[in-house]
Amino acid sequence: MPSGILIIDKPQGWTSMDVCAKLRGIFQEKRVGHGGTLDPMATGVLPVFVGRATRAVEFAEKSDKEYIAGLKLGVVTNTQDTSGEVLERRPVAHIGHQGVYDILEQFRGDILQVPPMYSAIKINGKKLYELARKGREVERPARPVTIHSLELEEMEGPEDFLLRVRCSKGTYVRTLCHDIGQALGCGGCMSSLRRTMAAGFPLQDSRTLEQVQSAPDPAALLLPVDSIFSDRKKLTVDRATEKMVRNGMTAVLPHLDSGEYRAYAIGGEFLALCRCRNGKLSPIKSFYEIQKR
């Protein structure tokens, strides 16, 4: 059965789950999941996990991400992007390139964001977007997020700007655009969104759905699951330690530095993501193929 990671350049108008459904059909594999939702209007990097590689989805979801976002000033909508209903229009001629450039400093680093009503977050068991569609608005607690970098890439017109954002899990880029507009006093919303990096995978690693469909062997496009852990140190273990890792046990390796490791068998098989503390190596998540008897 196919197993691995496919970096899809998600097309506009598709949900992330639409992409997964399409790939289930292509690979004839039920186990397909994605590592971080993109809204239908967004495009770009969507890591998709196939087969046993779906065990790594949680690590992609927790990762930092990078985006190129369109910021439209002077327009406030109920969804905080241009797909929603316009609530306000204000003049922006006085803002200019320098005004946007200067305000970005307020949004770098650790900030608090109030999640948008049009989101899948649950309050008292109800998804916010379901309440929003009924015309209801509820109080949402602000959540801490980290904006690692925020740069003004281009001014495309008096109202239109391109921002490059690198941020932590849980960041709403459309809320960031909305909040920047509020800080400028003219309002704003997100006009476009393209994810350029997720889980360490850049846009140049991505494939379109058309490329996957037309490939003679789509499975040959899958990246090995250990590629998502390329920033961890590689560790090849002896046969005794391999047996302990396979059985979920802790191995004593007194000379091993503390940290996370990609653990491999002597033959090169990727076994697990492991953590070493005080000379004791324990599996965090196993990825070896279980042999059927």
C-alpha atoms as a PDB file:
ATOM      1  CA  MET A   1       0.000   0.000   0.000  1.00  0.00           C
ATOM      2  CA  PRO A   2       1.265   3.537  -0.739  1.00  0.00           C
ATOM      3  CA  SER A   3       2.655   5.491   2.211  1.00  0.00           C
ATOM      4  CA  GLY A   4       4.277   8.905   2.339  1.00  0.00           C
ATOM      5  CA  ILE A   5       3.801  12.659   2.126  1.00  0.00           C
ATOM      6  CA  LEU A   6       2.578  14.600  -0.884  1.00  0.00           C
ATOM      7  CA  ILE A   7       2.922  18.384  -0.966  1.00  0.00           C
ATOM      8  CA  ILE A   8      -0.069  19.707  -2.885  1.00  0.00           C
ATOM      9  CA  ASP A   9      -0.422  23.222  -4.285  1.00  0.00           C
ATOM     10  CA  LYS A  10      -4.069  23.575  -3.254  1.00  0.00           C
ATOM     11  CA  PRO A  11      -6.234  25.220  -5.913  1.00  0.00           C
ATOM     12  CA  GLN A  12      -8.569  28.089  -5.100  1.00  0.00           C
ATOM     13  CA  GLY A  13     -12.159  27.067  -4.411  1.00  0.00           C
ATOM     14  CA  TRP A  14     -11.263  23.666  -2.970  1.00  0.00           C
ATOM     15  CA  THR A  15     -11.439  22.793   0.720  1.00  0.00           C
ATOM     16  CA  SER A  16      -8.538  20.895   2.244  1.00  0.00           C
ATOM     17  CA  MET A  17     -10.858  17.905   2.683  1.00  0.00           C
ATOM     18  CA  ASP A  18     -11.817  18.093  -1.025  1.00  0.00           C
ATOM     19  CA  VAL A  19      -8.138  17.568  -1.829  1.00  0.00           C
ATOM     20  CA  CYS A  20      -7.919  14.586   0.526  1.00  0.00           C
ATOM     21  CA  ALA A  21     -11.031  13.026  -1.007  1.00  0.00           C
ATOM     22  CA  LYS A  22      -9.547  13.384  -4.495  1.00  0.00           C
ATOM     23  CA  LEU A  23      -6.298  11.740  -3.410  1.00  0.00           C
ATOM     24  CA  ARG A  24      -8.134   8.868  -1.720  1.00  0.00           C
ATOM     25  CA  GLY A  25      -9.502   8.026  -5.147  1.00  0.00           C
ATOM     26  CA  ILE A  26      -6.162   8.403  -6.918  1.00  0.00           C
ATOM     27  CA  PHE A  27      -4.240   6.241  -4.437  1.00  0.00           C
ATOM     28  CA  GLN A  28      -7.103   3.873  -3.588  1.00  0.00           C
ATOM     29  CA  GLU A  29      -6.214   4.424   0.052  1.00  0.00           C
ATOM     30  CA  LYS A  30      -8.655   5.386   2.820  1.00  0.00           C
ATOM     31  CA  ARG A  31      -5.947   6.712   5.143  1.00  0.00           C
ATOM     32  CA  VAL A  32      -5.376  10.211   3.778  1.00  0.00           C
ATOM     33  CA  GLY A  33      -5.123  13.339   5.941  1.00  0.00           C
ATOM     34  CA  HIS A  34      -3.783  16.871   5.655  1.00  0.00           C
ATOM     35  CA  GLY A  35      -1.460  18.861   7.892  1.00  0.00           C
ATOM     36  CA  GLY A  36      -3.170  22.215   8.351  1.00  0.00           C
ATOM     37  CA  THR A  37      -6.436  23.525   6.914  1.00  0.00           C
ATOM     38  CA  LEU A  38      -6.477  26.124   4.146  1.00  0.00           C
ATOM     39  CA  ASP A  39      -9.694  28.075   3.534  1.00  0.00           C
ATOM     40  CA  PRO A  40     -11.290  27.578   0.085  1.00  0.00           C
ATOM     41  CA  MET A  41     -10.112  31.009  -1.147  1.00  0.00           C
ATOM     42  CA  ALA A  42      -6.490  30.203  -0.204  1.00  0.00           C
ATOM     43  CA  THR A  43      -3.939  28.410  -2.370  1.00  0.00           C
ATOM     44  CA  GLY A  44      -0.519  26.919  -1.807  1.00  0.00           C
ATOM     45  CA  VAL A  45       1.269  24.382   0.351  1.00  0.00           C
ATOM     46  CA  LEU A  46      -0.966  21.636   1.750  1.00  0.00           C
ATOM     47  CA  PRO A  47       0.998  18.665   3.117  1.00  0.00           C
ATOM     48  CA  VAL A  48      -1.073  15.519   2.573  1.00  0.00           C
ATOM     49  CA  PHE A  49      -0.262  12.275   4.363  1.00  0.00           C
ATOM     50  CA  VAL A  50      -1.044   8.919   2.780  1.00  0.00           C
ATOM     51  CA  GLY A  51      -1.214   5.470   4.386  1.00  0.00           C
ATOM     52  CA  ARG A  52       0.825   4.871   7.529  1.00  0.00           C
ATOM     53  CA  ALA A  53       2.339   8.344   7.108  1.00  0.00           C
ATOM     54  CA  THR A  54      -0.936   9.764   8.509  1.00  0.00           C
ATOM     55  CA  ARG A  55       0.616   9.099  11.925  1.00  0.00           C
ATOM     56  CA  ALA A  56       2.711  12.232  11.315  1.00  0.00           C
ATOM     57  CA  VAL A  57      -0.212  14.601  10.663  1.00  0.00           C
ATOM     58  CA  GLU A  58      -0.125  16.002  14.205  1.00  0.00           C
ATOM     59  CA  PHE A  59       3.470  17.182  13.745  1.00  0.00           C
ATOM     60  CA  ALA A  60       2.566  19.126  10.585  1.00  0.00           C
ATOM     61  CA  GLU A  61      -0.417  20.774  12.276  1.00  0.00           C
ATOM     62  CA  LYS A  62       1.793  22.056  15.105  1.00  0.00           C
ATOM     63  CA  SER A  63       4.405  23.533  12.773  1.00  0.00           C
ATOM     64  CA  ASP A  64       5.077  27.144  11.789  1.00  0.00           C
ATOM     65  CA  LYS A  65       3.731  28.353   8.444  1.00  0.00           C
ATOM     66  CA  GLU A  66       4.508  31.103   5.944  1.00  0.00           C
ATOM     67  CA  TYR A  67       2.091  33.026   3.728  1.00  0.00           C
ATOM     68  CA  ILE A  68       1.884  35.756   1.132  1.00  0.00           C
ATOM     69  CA  ALA A  69      -1.300  37.643   2.013  1.00  0.00           C
ATOM     70  CA  GLY A  70      -3.173  40.361   0.182  1.00  0.00           C
ATOM     71  CA  LEU A  71      -4.215  43.201   2.484  1.00  0.00           C
ATOM     72  CA  LYS A  72      -7.058  45.422   1.267  1.00  0.00           C
ATOM     73  CA  LEU A  73      -7.464  48.589   3.285  1.00  0.00           C
ATOM     74  CA  GLY A  74     -10.675  50.589   3.625  1.00  0.00           C
ATOM     75  CA  VAL A  75     -12.947  47.539   3.560  1.00  0.00           C
ATOM     76  CA  VAL A  76     -14.333  45.688   6.597  1.00  0.00           C
ATOM     77  CA  THR A  77     -16.269  42.444   6.056  1.00  0.00           C
ATOM     78  CA  ASN A  78     -18.060  39.964   8.293  1.00  0.00           C
ATOM     79  CA  THR A  79     -15.589  37.192   7.369  1.00  0.00           C
ATOM     80  CA  GLN A  80     -12.470  39.410   7.543  1.00  0.00           C
ATOM     81  CA  ASP A  81     -11.745  38.597   3.896  1.00  0.00           C
ATOM     82  CA  THR A  82     -13.134  39.697   0.540  1.00  0.00           C
ATOM     83  CA  SER A  83     -15.419  36.650   0.278  1.00  0.00           C
ATOM     84  CA  GLY A  84     -17.708  38.098   2.940  1.00  0.00           C
ATOM     85  CA  GLU A  85     -20.366  40.760   3.225  1.00  0.00           C
ATOM     86  CA  VAL A  86     -19.024  44.324   3.248  1.00  0.00           C
ATOM     87  CA  LEU A  87     -19.846  46.049   6.536  1.00  0.00           C
ATOM     88  CA  GLU A  88     -17.904  49.298   6.111  1.00  0.00           C
ATOM     89  CA  ARG A  89     -15.933  51.287   3.549  1.00  0.00           C
ATOM     90  CA  ARG A  90     -13.532  54.048   4.570  1.00  0.00           C
ATOM     91  CA  PRO A  91     -11.037  56.305   2.739  1.00  0.00           C
ATOM     92  CA  VAL A  92      -7.390  55.181   2.760  1.00  0.00           C
ATOM     93  CA  ALA A  93      -5.559  57.676   0.525  1.00  0.00           C
ATOM     94  CA  HIS A  94      -3.631  59.090   3.472  1.00  0.00           C
ATOM     95  CA  ILE A  95      -2.097  55.749   4.578  1.00  0.00           C
ATOM     96  CA  GLY A  96       0.418  54.917   1.848  1.00  0.00           C
ATOM     97  CA  HIS A  97       3.406  52.570   1.847  1.00  0.00           C
ATOM     98  CA  GLN A  98       5.059  54.167   4.879  1.00  0.00           C
ATOM     99  CA  GLY A  99       1.906  53.986   6.977  1.00  0.00           C
ATOM    100  CA  VAL A 100       1.562  50.238   6.467  1.00  0.00           C
ATOM    101  CA  TYR A 101       5.317  49.661   6.863  1.00  0.00           C
ATOM    102  CA  ASP A 102       5.388  51.468  10.203  1.00  0.00           C
ATOM    103  CA  ILE A 103       2.315  49.763  11.711  1.00  0.00           C
ATOM    104  CA  LEU A 104       3.625  46.208  11.144  1.00  0.00           C
ATOM    105  CA  GLU A 105       6.038  46.456  14.081  1.00  0.00           C
ATOM    106  CA  GLN A 106       3.043  46.333  16.446  1.00  0.00           C
ATOM    107  CA  PHE A 107       2.128  42.875  15.148  1.00  0.00           C
ATOM    108  CA  ARG A 108       5.518  41.129  15.295  1.00  0.00           C
ATOM    109  CA  GLY A 109       6.405  38.693  18.063  1.00  0.00           C
ATOM    110  CA  ASP A 110       3.968  37.311  20.640  1.00  0.00           C
ATOM    111  CA  ILE A 111       0.519  38.846  20.190  1.00  0.00           C
ATOM    112  CA  LEU A 112      -3.081  38.129  21.156  1.00  0.00           C
ATOM    113  CA  GLN A 113      -5.727  37.400  18.516  1.00  0.00           C
ATOM    114  CA  VAL A 114      -9.475  37.195  18.892  1.00  0.00           C
ATOM    115  CA  PRO A 115     -10.540  34.332  16.561  1.00  0.00           C
ATOM    116  CA  PRO A 116     -12.976  35.353  13.810  1.00  0.00           C
ATOM    117  CA  MET A 117     -16.622  34.342  14.028  1.00  0.00           C
ATOM    118  CA  TYR A 118     -16.239  32.559  10.701  1.00  0.00           C
ATOM    119  CA  SER A 119     -13.960  29.814  12.043  1.00  0.00           C
ATOM    120  CA  ALA A 120     -14.287  26.193  13.134  1.00  0.00           C
ATOM    121  CA  ILE A 121     -13.415  26.946  16.764  1.00  0.00           C
ATOM    122  CA  LYS A 122     -16.040  25.661  19.197  1.00  0.00           C
ATOM    123  CA  ILE A 123     -17.564  27.781  21.965  1.00  0.00           C
ATOM    124  CA  ASN A 124     -19.840  25.827  24.318  1.00  0.00           C
ATOM    125  CA  GLY A 125     -19.870  22.946  21.840  1.00  0.00           C
ATOM    126  CA  LYS A 126     -20.965  25.086  18.867  1.00  0.00           C
ATOM    127  CA  LYS A 127     -18.725  25.897  15.909  1.00  0.00           C
ATOM    128  CA  LEU A 128     -18.383  29.646  15.536  1.00  0.00           C
ATOM    129  CA  TYR A 129     -19.149  29.674  11.803  1.00  0.00           C
ATOM    130  CA  GLU A 130     -22.450  27.896  12.458  1.00  0.00           C
ATOM    131  CA  LEU A 131     -23.435  30.670  14.878  1.00  0.00           C
ATOM    132  CA  ALA A 132     -22.182  33.344  12.466  1.00  0.00           C
ATOM    133  CA  ARG A 133     -24.368  31.978   9.659  1.00  0.00           C
ATOM    134  CA  LYS A 134     -27.369  32.444  11.946  1.00  0.00           C
ATOM    135  CA  GLY A 135     -26.403  36.059  12.483  1.00  0.00           C
ATOM    136  CA  ARG A 136     -25.159  35.494  16.012  1.00  0.00           C
ATOM    137  CA  GLU A 137     -21.938  36.781  17.516  1.00  0.00           C
ATOM    138  CA  VAL A 138     -20.494  35.492  20.781  1.00  0.00           C
ATOM    139  CA  GLU A 139     -17.594  36.632  22.912  1.00  0.00           C
ATOM    140  CA  ARG A 140     -14.354  34.857  22.017  1.00  0.00           C
ATOM    141  CA  PRO A 141     -11.354  34.818  24.337  1.00  0.00           C
ATOM    142  CA  ALA A 142      -8.159  36.191  22.804  1.00  0.00           C
ATOM    143  CA  ARG A 143      -5.533  33.547  22.081  1.00  0.00           C
ATOM    144  CA  PRO A 144      -1.729  33.927  22.091  1.00  0.00           C
ATOM    145  CA  VAL A 145       0.005  33.429  18.729  1.00  0.00           C
ATOM    146  CA  THR A 146       3.491  34.266  17.493  1.00  0.00           C
ATOM    147  CA  ILE A 147       4.273  36.278  14.381  1.00  0.00           C
ATOM    148  CA  HIS A 148       7.886  35.288  13.698  1.00  0.00           C
ATOM    149  CA  SER A 149       8.233  37.700  10.785  1.00  0.00           C
ATOM    150  CA  LEU A 150       5.944  40.187   9.052  1.00  0.00           C
ATOM    151  CA  GLU A 151       7.172  42.130   6.028  1.00  0.00           C
ATOM    152  CA  LEU A 152       5.630  44.461   3.500  1.00  0.00           C
ATOM    153  CA  GLU A 153       6.431  42.845   0.145  1.00  0.00           C
ATOM    154  CA  GLU A 154       4.707  45.239  -2.227  1.00  0.00           C
ATOM    155  CA  MET A 155       2.230  48.089  -2.549  1.00  0.00           C
ATOM    156  CA  GLU A 156      -0.016  47.167  -5.483  1.00  0.00           C
ATOM    157  CA  GLY A 157      -2.284  50.231  -5.269  1.00  0.00           C
ATOM    158  CA  PRO A 158      -3.551  52.843  -2.799  1.00  0.00           C
ATOM    159  CA  GLU A 159      -5.663  50.208  -1.016  1.00  0.00           C
ATOM    160  CA  ASP A 160      -3.811  46.987  -1.863  1.00  0.00           C
ATOM    161  CA  PHE A 161      -0.662  45.564  -0.279  1.00  0.00           C
ATOM    162  CA  LEU A 162       1.145  42.224  -0.177  1.00  0.00           C
ATOM    163  CA  LEU A 163       2.457  40.965   3.167  1.00  0.00           C
ATOM    164  CA  ARG A 164       4.791  38.046   3.884  1.00  0.00           C
ATOM    165  CA  VAL A 165       3.888  36.392   7.198  1.00  0.00           C
ATOM    166  CA  ARG A 166       5.656  33.604   9.060  1.00  0.00           C
ATOM    167  CA  CYS A 167       3.606  32.549  12.059  1.00  0.00           C
ATOM    168  CA  SER A 168       2.824  29.896  14.643  1.00  0.00           C
ATOM    169  CA  LYS A 169       0.051  27.347  14.672  1.00  0.00           C
ATOM    170  CA  GLY A 170      -3.380  28.867  15.304  1.00  0.00           C
ATOM    171  CA  THR A 171      -2.710  32.220  13.632  1.00  0.00           C
ATOM    172  CA  TYR A 172      -5.555  33.615  11.512  1.00  0.00           C
ATOM    173  CA  VAL A 173      -3.971  35.672   8.738  1.00  0.00           C
ATOM    174  CA  ARG A 174      -7.329  37.260   7.845  1.00  0.00           C
ATOM    175  CA  THR A 175      -7.665  38.396  11.459  1.00  0.00           C
ATOM    176  CA  LEU A 176      -4.143  39.807  11.234  1.00  0.00           C
ATOM    177  CA  CYS A 177      -5.205  41.803   8.146  1.00  0.00           C
ATOM    178  CA  HIS A 178      -8.381  42.960   9.904  1.00  0.00           C
ATOM    179  CA  ASP A 179      -6.420  44.039  12.983  1.00  0.00           C
ATOM    180  CA  ILE A 180      -3.830  45.915  10.911  1.00  0.00           C
ATOM    181  CA  GLY A 181      -6.688  47.815   9.238  1.00  0.00           C
ATOM    182  CA  GLN A 182      -8.184  48.657  12.630  1.00  0.00           C
ATOM    183  CA  ALA A 183      -4.825  49.881  13.921  1.00  0.00           C
ATOM    184  CA  LEU A 184      -4.495  52.137  10.874  1.00  0.00           C
ATOM    185  CA  GLY A 185      -7.953  53.547  11.526  1.00  0.00           C
ATOM    186  CA  CYS A 186      -9.298  52.751   8.054  1.00  0.00           C
ATOM    187  CA  GLY A 187     -10.269  49.106   8.444  1.00  0.00           C
ATOM    188  CA  GLY A 188      -9.034  46.256   6.305  1.00  0.00           C
ATOM    189  CA  CYS A 189      -9.488  42.655   5.258  1.00  0.00           C
ATOM    190  CA  MET A 190      -7.612  39.862   3.498  1.00  0.00           C
ATOM    191  CA  SER A 191      -7.956  39.835  -0.292  1.00  0.00           C
ATOM    192  CA  SER A 192      -5.832  36.772  -1.109  1.00  0.00           C
ATOM    193  CA  LEU A 193      -3.777  34.099   0.627  1.00  0.00           C
ATOM    194  CA  ARG A 194      -1.055  31.807  -0.660  1.00  0.00           C
ATOM    195  CA  ARG A 195       0.776  29.497   1.734  1.00  0.00           C
ATOM    196  CA  THR A 196       4.422  29.284   0.765  1.00  0.00           C
ATOM    197  CA  MET A 197       5.658  26.958   3.525  1.00  0.00           C
ATOM    198  CA  ALA A 198       4.194  24.447   5.962  1.00  0.00           C
ATOM    199  CA  ALA A 199       5.819  21.750   8.097  1.00  0.00           C
ATOM    200  CA  GLY A 200       9.170  22.778   6.645  1.00  0.00           C
ATOM    201  CA  PHE A 201       8.060  22.072   3.055  1.00  0.00           C
ATOM    202  CA  PRO A 202       8.419  25.030   0.642  1.00  0.00           C
ATOM    203  CA  LEU A 203       6.152  25.829  -2.282  1.00  0.00           C
ATOM    204  CA  GLN A 204       8.735  24.542  -4.787  1.00  0.00           C
ATOM    205  CA  ASP A 205       8.239  21.027  -3.375  1.00  0.00           C
ATOM    206  CA  SER A 206       4.526  21.102  -4.234  1.00  0.00           C
ATOM    207  CA  ARG A 207       2.580  19.424  -7.043  1.00  0.00           C
ATOM    208  CA  THR A 208      -0.739  20.373  -8.539  1.00  0.00           C
ATOM    209  CA  LEU A 209      -3.601  17.885  -8.483  1.00  0.00           C
ATOM    210  CA  GLU A 210      -3.355  17.752 -12.288  1.00  0.00           C
ATOM    211  CA  GLN A 211       0.300  16.697 -12.047  1.00  0.00           C
ATOM    212  CA  VAL A 212      -0.575  13.929  -9.598  1.00  0.00           C
ATOM    213  CA  GLN A 213      -3.460  12.705 -11.748  1.00  0.00           C
ATOM    214  CA  SER A 214      -1.361  12.605 -14.913  1.00  0.00           C
ATOM    215  CA  ALA A 215       1.682  10.938 -13.319  1.00  0.00           C
ATOM    216  CA  PRO A 216       2.363   7.387 -14.649  1.00  0.00           C
ATOM    217  CA  ASP A 217       2.890   6.285 -11.023  1.00  0.00           C
ATOM    218  CA  PRO A 218       1.470   8.778  -8.485  1.00  0.00           C
ATOM    219  CA  ALA A 219       3.004   6.784  -5.615  1.00  0.00           C
ATOM    220  CA  ALA A 220       6.459   7.699  -6.956  1.00  0.00           C
ATOM    221  CA  LEU A 221       5.702  11.337  -6.055  1.00  0.00           C
ATOM    222  CA  LEU A 222       5.341  10.533  -2.342  1.00  0.00           C
ATOM    223  CA  LEU A 223       8.074  11.782  -0.042  1.00  0.00           C
ATOM    224  CA  PRO A 224       9.191   9.444   2.757  1.00  0.00           C
ATOM    225  CA  VAL A 225       7.530  10.176   6.089  1.00  0.00           C
ATOM    226  CA  ASP A 226      10.864  10.902   7.792  1.00  0.00           C
ATOM    227  CA  SER A 227      11.268  13.981   5.560  1.00  0.00           C
ATOM    228  CA  ILE A 228       8.993  15.897   7.937  1.00  0.00           C
ATOM    229  CA  PHE A 229      11.581  15.343  10.684  1.00  0.00           C
ATOM    230  CA  SER A 230      14.592  16.453   8.638  1.00  0.00           C
ATOM    231  CA  ASP A 231      15.482  19.047  11.293  1.00  0.00           C
ATOM    232  CA  ARG A 232      16.027  16.295  13.904  1.00  0.00           C
ATOM    233  CA  LYS A 233      19.319  14.440  14.275  1.00  0.00           C
ATOM    234  CA  LYS A 234      19.639  11.038  12.612  1.00  0.00           C
ATOM    235  CA  LEU A 235      20.363   8.052  14.855  1.00  0.00           C
ATOM    236  CA  THR A 236      21.078   4.515  13.634  1.00  0.00           C
ATOM    237  CA  VAL A 237      20.503   2.066  16.491  1.00  0.00           C
ATOM    238  CA  ASP A 238      21.902  -1.395  17.086  1.00  0.00           C
ATOM    239  CA  ARG A 239      19.675  -4.466  16.909  1.00  0.00           C
ATOM    240  CA  ALA A 240      19.066  -4.626  20.657  1.00  0.00           C
ATOM    241  CA  THR A 241      17.956  -0.972  20.763  1.00  0.00           C
ATOM    242  CA  GLU A 242      15.896  -1.467  17.598  1.00  0.00           C
ATOM    243  CA  LYS A 243      13.959  -4.245  19.308  1.00  0.00           C
ATOM    244  CA  MET A 244      13.243  -1.988  22.293  1.00  0.00           C
ATOM    245  CA  VAL A 245      12.100   0.862  20.034  1.00  0.00           C
ATOM    246  CA  ARG A 246       9.795  -1.492  18.127  1.00  0.00           C
ATOM    247  CA  ASN A 247       8.285  -2.623  21.424  1.00  0.00           C
ATOM    248  CA  GLY A 248       7.787   0.948  22.688  1.00  0.00           C
ATOM    249  CA  MET A 249      10.368   0.485  25.447  1.00  0.00           C
ATOM    250  CA  THR A 250      13.010   2.869  26.795  1.00  0.00           C
ATOM    251  CA  ALA A 251      16.619   2.120  25.880  1.00  0.00           C
ATOM    252  CA  VAL A 252      19.523   3.279  28.048  1.00  0.00           C
ATOM    253  CA  LEU A 253      22.111   5.105  25.924  1.00  0.00           C
ATOM    254  CA  PRO A 254      24.215   7.016  28.482  1.00  0.00           C
ATOM    255  CA  HIS A 255      26.435   8.797  25.951  1.00  0.00           C
ATOM    256  CA  LEU A 256      23.587  10.139  23.778  1.00  0.00           C
ATOM    257  CA  ASP A 257      22.865  13.875  23.998  1.00  0.00           C
ATOM    258  CA  SER A 258      19.374  14.939  25.036  1.00  0.00           C
ATOM    259  CA  GLY A 259      16.989  15.917  22.225  1.00  0.00           C
ATOM    260  CA  GLU A 260      14.768  14.429  19.530  1.00  0.00           C
ATOM    261  CA  TYR A 261      16.076  11.916  17.000  1.00  0.00           C
ATOM    262  CA  ARG A 262      15.050  10.138  13.823  1.00  0.00           C
ATOM    263  CA  ALA A 263      15.770   6.522  14.754  1.00  0.00           C
ATOM    264  CA  TYR A 264      16.725   4.070  11.997  1.00  0.00           C
ATOM    265  CA  ALA A 265      17.483   0.352  11.909  1.00  0.00           C
ATOM    266  CA  ILE A 266      20.907  -0.762  10.697  1.00  0.00           C
ATOM    267  CA  GLY A 267      19.368  -1.607   7.317  1.00  0.00           C
ATOM    268  CA  GLY A 268      18.094   1.970   6.920  1.00  0.00           C
ATOM    269  CA  GLU A 269      14.410   1.493   7.829  1.00  0.00           C
ATOM    270  CA  PHE A 270      12.928   4.509   9.596  1.00  0.00           C
ATOM    271  CA  LEU A 271      11.642   3.272  12.925  1.00  0.00           C
ATOM    272  CA  ALA A 272      10.390   6.178  15.007  1.00  0.00           C
ATOM    273  CA  LEU A 273      10.731   9.722  16.190  1.00  0.00           C
ATOM    274  CA  CYS A 274      12.400   9.388  19.582  1.00  0.00           C
ATOM    275  CA  ARG A 275      13.357  11.604  22.496  1.00  0.00           C
ATOM    276  CA  CYS A 276      16.455  11.213  24.644  1.00  0.00           C
ATOM    277  CA  ARG A 277      16.506  12.536  28.206  1.00  0.00           C
ATOM    278  CA  ASN A 278      19.332  11.878  30.637  1.00  0.00           C
ATOM    279  CA  GLY A 279      20.691   9.061  28.510  1.00  0.00           C
ATOM    280  CA  LYS A 280      17.311   7.333  28.099  1.00  0.00           C
ATOM    281  CA  LEU A 281      15.842   7.002  24.588  1.00  0.00           C
ATOM    282  CA  SER A 282      12.061   6.619  24.268  1.00  0.00           C
ATOM    283  CA  PRO A 283       9.830   6.490  21.161  1.00  0.00           C
ATOM    284  CA  ILE A 284       7.495   9.469  20.641  1.00  0.00           C
ATOM    285  CA  LYS A 285       5.787   7.987  17.591  1.00  0.00           C
ATOM    286  CA  SER A 286       6.591   4.838  15.604  1.00  0.00           C
ATOM    287  CA  PHE A 287       6.508   4.687  11.798  1.00  0.00           C
ATOM    288  CA  TYR A 288       7.886   1.265  10.884  1.00  0.00           C
ATOM    289  CA  GLU A 289       5.664  -0.967   8.793  1.00  0.00           C
ATOM    290  CA  ILE A 290       4.059  -3.654  10.930  1.00  0.00           C
ATOM    291  CA  GLN A 291       4.651  -7.039   9.359  1.00  0.00           C
ATOM    292  CA  LYS A 292       1.505  -9.117   8.985  1.00  0.00           C
ATOM    293  CA  ARG A 293       1.909 -12.710  10.088  1.00  0.00           C
END
